[in-house]
């Protein structure tokens, strides 16, 4: 019952699908969000309950590095707990 909720942000549908298969094959992991566009992900992610976010650097809209930077900035502005690795 203790599943980690995983988000996948990857511009390649085949790679994203492969990652989803691997992640969902684990009993304690479940993909709950997928997106190929960095800007769309930036809009949606702050309102979702996601424990782990896997971001590829090649995205449509903005790249994965910019997405990660903007997400951290957004979460820090909201006074949310956020850890960078």
Protein backbone atom coordinates (compact mmCIF):
# COMPACT_ATOMS: atom_id res chain seq x y z
CA UNK A 1 0.00 0.00 0.00
CA UNK A 2 3.05 2.30 0.29
CA UNK A 3 3.62 3.12 -3.35
CA UNK A 4 5.90 5.84 -4.62
CA UNK A 5 4.05 7.98 -7.17
CA UNK A 6 6.32 8.64 -10.14
CA UNK A 7 6.08 11.31 -12.83
CA UNK A 8 7.76 10.87 -16.22
CA UNK A 9 8.67 13.86 -18.38
CA UNK A 10 10.32 12.69 -21.60
CA UNK A 11 9.95 13.92 -25.16
CA UNK A 12 10.34 10.44 -26.68
CA UNK A 13 7.15 8.38 -26.41
CA UNK A 14 8.97 5.06 -26.87
CA UNK A 15 11.49 5.75 -24.11
CA UNK A 16 8.75 7.05 -21.84
CA UNK A 17 6.75 3.88 -22.49
CA UNK A 18 9.74 1.67 -21.69
CA UNK A 19 10.39 3.54 -18.47
CA UNK A 20 6.71 3.23 -17.55
CA UNK A 21 6.85 -0.55 -18.07
CA UNK A 22 9.95 -0.90 -15.88
CA UNK A 23 8.62 1.36 -13.14
CA UNK A 24 5.15 -0.16 -13.06
CA UNK A 25 6.65 -3.66 -12.89
CA UNK A 26 7.87 -2.86 -9.38
CA UNK A 27 5.37 -3.54 -6.58
CA UNK A 28 6.08 -0.28 -4.76
CA UNK A 29 6.21 2.12 -7.75
CA UNK A 30 3.45 3.51 -9.97
CA UNK A 31 3.60 6.05 -12.80
CA UNK A 32 0.88 8.62 -12.13
CA UNK A 33 1.88 11.37 -14.57
CA UNK A 34 3.42 11.53 -18.04
CA UNK A 35 4.22 14.48 -20.26
CA UNK A 36 6.41 15.16 -23.31
CA UNK A 37 6.34 18.96 -23.19
CA UNK A 38 8.35 20.83 -20.55
CA UNK A 39 6.06 23.86 -20.46
CA UNK A 40 2.93 21.74 -20.03
CA UNK A 41 4.65 19.73 -17.29
CA UNK A 42 5.62 22.97 -15.52
CA UNK A 43 1.95 24.00 -15.44
CA UNK A 44 0.65 20.70 -14.08
CA UNK A 45 3.30 19.24 -11.77
CA UNK A 46 2.98 21.70 -8.85
CA UNK A 47 -0.65 20.64 -8.34
CA UNK A 48 0.01 16.88 -8.45
CA UNK A 49 0.95 14.43 -5.73
CA UNK A 50 4.23 13.03 -7.06
CA UNK A 51 6.99 11.53 -4.94
CA UNK A 52 9.62 11.11 -7.68
CA UNK A 53 9.96 12.99 -10.94
CA UNK A 54 12.08 11.57 -13.78
CA UNK A 55 12.94 14.31 -16.29
CA UNK A 56 14.81 13.84 -19.56
CA UNK A 57 16.82 16.83 -20.75
CA UNK A 58 15.43 16.68 -24.31
CA UNK A 59 11.89 18.02 -24.17
CA UNK A 60 9.53 20.10 -26.27
CA UNK A 61 8.86 23.62 -25.00
CA UNK A 62 11.75 23.96 -22.52
CA UNK A 63 14.53 21.50 -21.82
CA UNK A 64 14.61 19.29 -18.74
CA UNK A 65 17.26 21.35 -16.95
CA UNK A 66 15.19 24.51 -17.26
CA UNK A 67 12.09 22.57 -16.16
CA UNK A 68 13.86 21.30 -13.04
CA UNK A 69 15.17 24.78 -12.20
CA UNK A 70 11.74 26.36 -12.60
CA UNK A 71 10.04 23.63 -10.55
CA UNK A 72 12.47 24.04 -7.67
CA UNK A 73 12.04 27.82 -7.78
CA UNK A 74 8.25 27.46 -7.83
CA UNK A 75 8.21 25.03 -4.92
CA UNK A 76 10.54 27.19 -2.86
CA UNK A 77 8.31 30.22 -3.46
CA UNK A 78 5.34 28.21 -2.21
CA UNK A 79 7.34 27.39 0.96
CA UNK A 80 7.04 23.71 0.10
CA UNK A 81 9.51 21.13 1.24
CA UNK A 82 11.74 20.41 -1.71
CA UNK A 83 14.97 18.44 -1.91
CA UNK A 84 17.35 18.61 -4.85
CA UNK A 85 19.57 15.68 -5.78
